[in-house]
Amino acid sequence: MSSQALENIEESTWRKLKDNAQSAYHKAYAPYSNFRVGAAALTSENKIVQGCNVENASYGLTVCAERNCIAQGVIGNENAQAVEFSALVIYTEQEKLTPPCGACRQVISEFFQKNATVMAVNHLSQQQQWTVEQLLPDAFMPYDLIHKT
């Protein structure tokens, strides 16, 4: 897998990612928590995919925006085994910036390089960024399944 570091992604691409994450936010299905989240990811082919959170009355069945976004990227790739992402933006309209939950961090680590950038943004134009490794140090990776000794 290859990855584009933050400085290798043009500002115009970050703007598109932020705009797409905000657009996805407005599509979120969150009738119970009213906590809408939108996400947008950049594939290694420079395609932007979106996702939003989709709640369920059985809360444990709720799917986060980040995982829906990654799933869209997998679905849209001709070779799901080779899908790669280089950046992810998460948009909320919360005053406190919202990082990915633990389950999303694990899924992100499956499809992004350790140095890929994950950015949280909000309606106040605030932002915070992390690398995947900062979000989930010592992640359980596909390598761990293949190399059991």
C-alpha atoms as a PDB file:
ATOM      1  CA  MET A   1       0.000   0.000   0.000  1.00  0.00           C
ATOM      2  CA  SER A   2       1.111   3.509  -0.708  1.00  0.00           C
ATOM      3  CA  SER A   3       0.032   6.537   1.236  1.00  0.00           C
ATOM      4  CA  GLN A   4       0.052  10.257   0.685  1.00  0.00           C
ATOM      5  CA  ALA A   5       1.177  12.203   3.716  1.00  0.00           C
ATOM      6  CA  LEU A   6      -0.696  15.366   4.693  1.00  0.00           C
ATOM      7  CA  GLU A   7       1.790  17.607   2.903  1.00  0.00           C
ATOM      8  CA  ASN A   8       1.417  15.607  -0.342  1.00  0.00           C
ATOM      9  CA  ILE A   9      -2.309  16.282  -0.625  1.00  0.00           C
ATOM     10  CA  GLU A  10      -3.171  19.618  -2.214  1.00  0.00           C
ATOM     11  CA  GLU A  11      -5.201  22.159  -0.267  1.00  0.00           C
ATOM     12  CA  SER A  12      -7.889  22.049  -2.970  1.00  0.00           C
ATOM     13  CA  THR A  13      -8.267  18.297  -2.364  1.00  0.00           C
ATOM     14  CA  TRP A  14      -8.605  18.857   1.400  1.00  0.00           C
ATOM     15  CA  ARG A  15     -11.317  21.445   0.630  1.00  0.00           C
ATOM     16  CA  LYS A  16     -13.165  18.903  -1.544  1.00  0.00           C
ATOM     17  CA  LEU A  17     -12.872  16.285   1.191  1.00  0.00           C
ATOM     18  CA  LYS A  18     -14.259  18.716   3.772  1.00  0.00           C
ATOM     19  CA  ASP A  19     -17.113  19.729   1.454  1.00  0.00           C
ATOM     20  CA  ASN A  20     -17.966  16.080   0.747  1.00  0.00           C
ATOM     21  CA  ALA A  21     -17.890  15.211   4.454  1.00  0.00           C
ATOM     22  CA  GLN A  22     -20.225  18.122   5.184  1.00  0.00           C
ATOM     23  CA  SER A  23     -22.550  17.034   2.378  1.00  0.00           C
ATOM     24  CA  ALA A  24     -22.610  13.485   3.773  1.00  0.00           C
ATOM     25  CA  TYR A  25     -23.382  14.913   7.231  1.00  0.00           C
ATOM     26  CA  HIS A  26     -26.680  16.251   5.906  1.00  0.00           C
ATOM     27  CA  LYS A  27     -27.640  12.742   4.726  1.00  0.00           C
ATOM     28  CA  ALA A  28     -27.071  11.118   8.142  1.00  0.00           C
ATOM     29  CA  TYR A  29     -29.880   9.079   9.676  1.00  0.00           C
ATOM     30  CA  ALA A  30     -29.704   9.957  13.370  1.00  0.00           C
ATOM     31  CA  PRO A  31     -33.276  10.188  14.731  1.00  0.00           C
ATOM     32  CA  TYR A  32     -32.340   8.866  18.199  1.00  0.00           C
ATOM     33  CA  SER A  33     -29.147  10.691  19.135  1.00  0.00           C
ATOM     34  CA  ASN A  34     -29.467  13.608  16.699  1.00  0.00           C
ATOM     35  CA  PHE A  35     -25.648  13.296  16.483  1.00  0.00           C
ATOM     36  CA  ARG A  36     -25.020  13.509  12.764  1.00  0.00           C
ATOM     37  CA  VAL A  37     -21.618  12.633  11.285  1.00  0.00           C
ATOM     38  CA  GLY A  38     -20.383  12.828   7.727  1.00  0.00           C
ATOM     39  CA  ALA A  39     -17.145  11.455   6.345  1.00  0.00           C
ATOM     40  CA  ALA A  40     -15.207  11.620   3.110  1.00  0.00           C
ATOM     41  CA  ALA A  41     -12.141   9.618   2.145  1.00  0.00           C
ATOM     42  CA  LEU A  42      -9.621   9.905  -0.642  1.00  0.00           C
ATOM     43  CA  THR A  43      -8.745   6.686  -2.435  1.00  0.00           C
ATOM     44  CA  SER A  44      -5.288   6.031  -3.834  1.00  0.00           C
ATOM     45  CA  GLU A  45      -6.853   6.672  -7.266  1.00  0.00           C
ATOM     46  CA  ASN A  46      -7.800  10.199  -6.062  1.00  0.00           C
ATOM     47  CA  LYS A  47     -11.499   9.364  -5.957  1.00  0.00           C
ATOM     48  CA  ILE A  48     -13.535  10.825  -3.095  1.00  0.00           C
ATOM     49  CA  VAL A  49     -16.092   8.586  -1.385  1.00  0.00           C
ATOM     50  CA  GLN A  50     -18.642   9.598   1.250  1.00  0.00           C
ATOM     51  CA  GLY A  51     -20.335   8.049   4.236  1.00  0.00           C
ATOM     52  CA  CYS A  52     -22.723   9.090   6.992  1.00  0.00           C
ATOM     53  CA  ASN A  53     -23.819   7.528  10.230  1.00  0.00           C
ATOM     54  CA  VAL A  54     -26.943   5.376  10.097  1.00  0.00           C
ATOM     55  CA  GLU A  55     -28.594   4.742  13.453  1.00  0.00           C
ATOM     56  CA  ASN A  56     -30.856   1.901  14.459  1.00  0.00           C
ATOM     57  CA  ALA A  57     -33.377   1.566  17.291  1.00  0.00           C
ATOM     58  CA  SER A  58     -31.158  -1.278  18.458  1.00  0.00           C
ATOM     59  CA  TYR A  59     -28.220   1.042  19.129  1.00  0.00           C
ATOM     60  CA  GLY A  60     -25.573  -1.650  18.712  1.00  0.00           C
ATOM     61  CA  LEU A  61     -26.549  -1.956  15.047  1.00  0.00           C
ATOM     62  CA  THR A  62     -25.734   1.673  14.298  1.00  0.00           C
ATOM     63  CA  VAL A  63     -23.008   2.119  11.662  1.00  0.00           C
ATOM     64  CA  CYS A  64     -20.643   5.062  11.868  1.00  0.00           C
ATOM     65  CA  ALA A  65     -19.947   7.476   9.025  1.00  0.00           C
ATOM     66  CA  GLU A  66     -16.293   6.449   8.805  1.00  0.00           C
ATOM     67  CA  ARG A  67     -17.087   2.764   8.314  1.00  0.00           C
ATOM     68  CA  ASN A  68     -19.852   3.545   5.816  1.00  0.00           C
ATOM     69  CA  CYS A  69     -17.417   5.748   3.909  1.00  0.00           C
ATOM     70  CA  ILE A  70     -14.767   3.019   3.765  1.00  0.00           C
ATOM     71  CA  ALA A  71     -17.404   0.491   2.693  1.00  0.00           C
ATOM     72  CA  GLN A  72     -18.396   2.774  -0.187  1.00  0.00           C
ATOM     73  CA  GLY A  73     -14.771   2.882  -1.277  1.00  0.00           C
ATOM     74  CA  VAL A  74     -14.537  -0.894  -1.195  1.00  0.00           C
ATOM     75  CA  ILE A  75     -17.805  -1.304  -3.102  1.00  0.00           C
ATOM     76  CA  GLY A  76     -16.684   1.194  -5.749  1.00  0.00           C
ATOM     77  CA  ASN A  77     -13.310  -0.453  -6.328  1.00  0.00           C
ATOM     78  CA  GLU A  78     -12.969  -3.065  -9.047  1.00  0.00           C
ATOM     79  CA  ASN A  79     -10.514  -5.022  -6.894  1.00  0.00           C
ATOM     80  CA  ALA A  80     -11.682  -4.937  -3.270  1.00  0.00           C
ATOM     81  CA  GLN A  81      -8.496  -6.706  -2.186  1.00  0.00           C
ATOM     82  CA  ALA A  82      -6.430  -3.754  -3.435  1.00  0.00           C
ATOM     83  CA  VAL A  83      -8.482  -0.824  -2.156  1.00  0.00           C
ATOM     84  CA  GLU A  84      -6.389   1.864  -0.482  1.00  0.00           C
ATOM     85  CA  PHE A  85      -7.186   5.215   1.093  1.00  0.00           C
ATOM     86  CA  SER A  86      -4.849   8.109   1.756  1.00  0.00           C
ATOM     87  CA  ALA A  87      -6.922  10.605   3.780  1.00  0.00           C
ATOM     88  CA  LEU A  88     -10.159  10.818   5.761  1.00  0.00           C
ATOM     89  CA  VAL A  89     -12.190  13.832   6.894  1.00  0.00           C
ATOM     90  CA  ILE A  90     -14.906  13.595   9.561  1.00  0.00           C
ATOM     91  CA  TYR A  91     -17.453  16.438   9.801  1.00  0.00           C
ATOM     92  CA  THR A  92     -19.795  17.213  12.681  1.00  0.00           C
ATOM     93  CA  GLU A  93     -21.604  20.292  13.903  1.00  0.00           C
ATOM     94  CA  GLN A  94     -20.312  19.849  17.442  1.00  0.00           C
ATOM     95  CA  GLU A  95     -18.201  22.474  19.169  1.00  0.00           C
ATOM     96  CA  LYS A  96     -15.843  19.724  20.306  1.00  0.00           C
ATOM     97  CA  LEU A  97     -14.119  18.080  17.363  1.00  0.00           C
ATOM     98  CA  THR A  98     -15.090  14.434  16.991  1.00  0.00           C
ATOM     99  CA  PRO A  99     -12.396  11.776  16.478  1.00  0.00           C
ATOM    100  CA  PRO A 100     -13.319   8.287  15.243  1.00  0.00           C
ATOM    101  CA  CYS A 101     -14.636   5.766  17.779  1.00  0.00           C
ATOM    102  CA  GLY A 102     -12.620   2.672  18.642  1.00  0.00           C
ATOM    103  CA  ALA A 103     -14.346   0.393  16.123  1.00  0.00           C
ATOM    104  CA  CYS A 104     -13.763   2.927  13.347  1.00  0.00           C
ATOM    105  CA  ARG A 105     -10.108   3.296  14.332  1.00  0.00           C
ATOM    106  CA  GLN A 106      -9.640  -0.448  13.857  1.00  0.00           C
ATOM    107  CA  VAL A 107     -11.354  -0.392  10.444  1.00  0.00           C
ATOM    108  CA  ILE A 108      -9.351   2.684   9.407  1.00  0.00           C
ATOM    109  CA  SER A 109      -6.135   0.854  10.305  1.00  0.00           C
ATOM    110  CA  GLU A 110      -7.145  -1.948   7.924  1.00  0.00           C
ATOM    111  CA  PHE A 111      -7.310   0.336   4.869  1.00  0.00           C
ATOM    112  CA  PHE A 112      -4.977   3.275   5.594  1.00  0.00           C
ATOM    113  CA  GLN A 113      -1.214   3.406   6.061  1.00  0.00           C
ATOM    114  CA  LYS A 114       0.015   4.321   9.546  1.00  0.00           C
ATOM    115  CA  ASN A 115       1.094   7.787   8.377  1.00  0.00           C
ATOM    116  CA  ALA A 116      -2.181   8.624   6.578  1.00  0.00           C
ATOM    117  CA  THR A 117      -4.032  11.676   7.866  1.00  0.00           C
ATOM    118  CA  VAL A 118      -7.421  11.609   9.580  1.00  0.00           C
ATOM    119  CA  MET A 119      -8.916  15.058  10.109  1.00  0.00           C
ATOM    120  CA  ALA A 120     -11.910  16.142  12.169  1.00  0.00           C
ATOM    121  CA  VAL A 121     -13.621  19.395  11.151  1.00  0.00           C
ATOM    122  CA  ASN A 122     -16.721  21.214  12.334  1.00  0.00           C
ATOM    123  CA  HIS A 123     -19.113  23.976  11.350  1.00  0.00           C
ATOM    124  CA  LEU A 124     -16.878  26.545  13.098  1.00  0.00           C
ATOM    125  CA  SER A 125     -14.069  25.786  10.611  1.00  0.00           C
ATOM    126  CA  GLN A 126     -11.991  24.250  13.394  1.00  0.00           C
ATOM    127  CA  GLN A 127      -9.939  21.197  12.593  1.00  0.00           C
ATOM    128  CA  GLN A 128      -7.693  18.654  14.247  1.00  0.00           C
ATOM    129  CA  GLN A 129      -5.631  15.997  12.547  1.00  0.00           C
ATOM    130  CA  TRP A 130      -3.987  12.753  13.514  1.00  0.00           C
ATOM    131  CA  THR A 131      -2.096  10.019  11.776  1.00  0.00           C
ATOM    132  CA  VAL A 132      -3.676   6.592  11.815  1.00  0.00           C
ATOM    133  CA  GLU A 133      -0.880   5.431  14.113  1.00  0.00           C
ATOM    134  CA  GLN A 134      -1.651   8.224  16.589  1.00  0.00           C
ATOM    135  CA  LEU A 135      -5.302   7.153  16.656  1.00  0.00           C
ATOM    136  CA  LEU A 136      -4.526   3.459  17.146  1.00  0.00           C
ATOM    137  CA  PRO A 137      -0.955   2.685  18.192  1.00  0.00           C
ATOM    138  CA  ASP A 138       0.024  -0.982  17.964  1.00  0.00           C
ATOM    139  CA  ALA A 139      -3.095  -1.789  15.939  1.00  0.00           C
ATOM    140  CA  PHE A 140      -4.076  -5.388  15.260  1.00  0.00           C
ATOM    141  CA  MET A 141      -3.370  -5.667  11.534  1.00  0.00           C
ATOM    142  CA  PRO A 142      -3.739  -8.234   8.728  1.00  0.00           C
ATOM    143  CA  TYR A 143      -0.021  -8.921   9.213  1.00  0.00           C
ATOM    144  CA  ASP A 144      -0.830 -10.243  12.707  1.00  0.00           C
ATOM    145  CA  LEU A 145      -3.183 -12.858  11.241  1.00  0.00           C
ATOM    146  CA  ILE A 146      -0.710 -13.987   8.584  1.00  0.00           C
ATOM    147  CA  HIS A 147       2.388 -14.093  10.803  1.00  0.00           C
ATOM    148  CA  LYS A 148       1.225 -15.962  13.885  1.00  0.00           C
ATOM    149  CA  THR A 149       4.678 -16.711  15.249  1.00  0.00           C
END
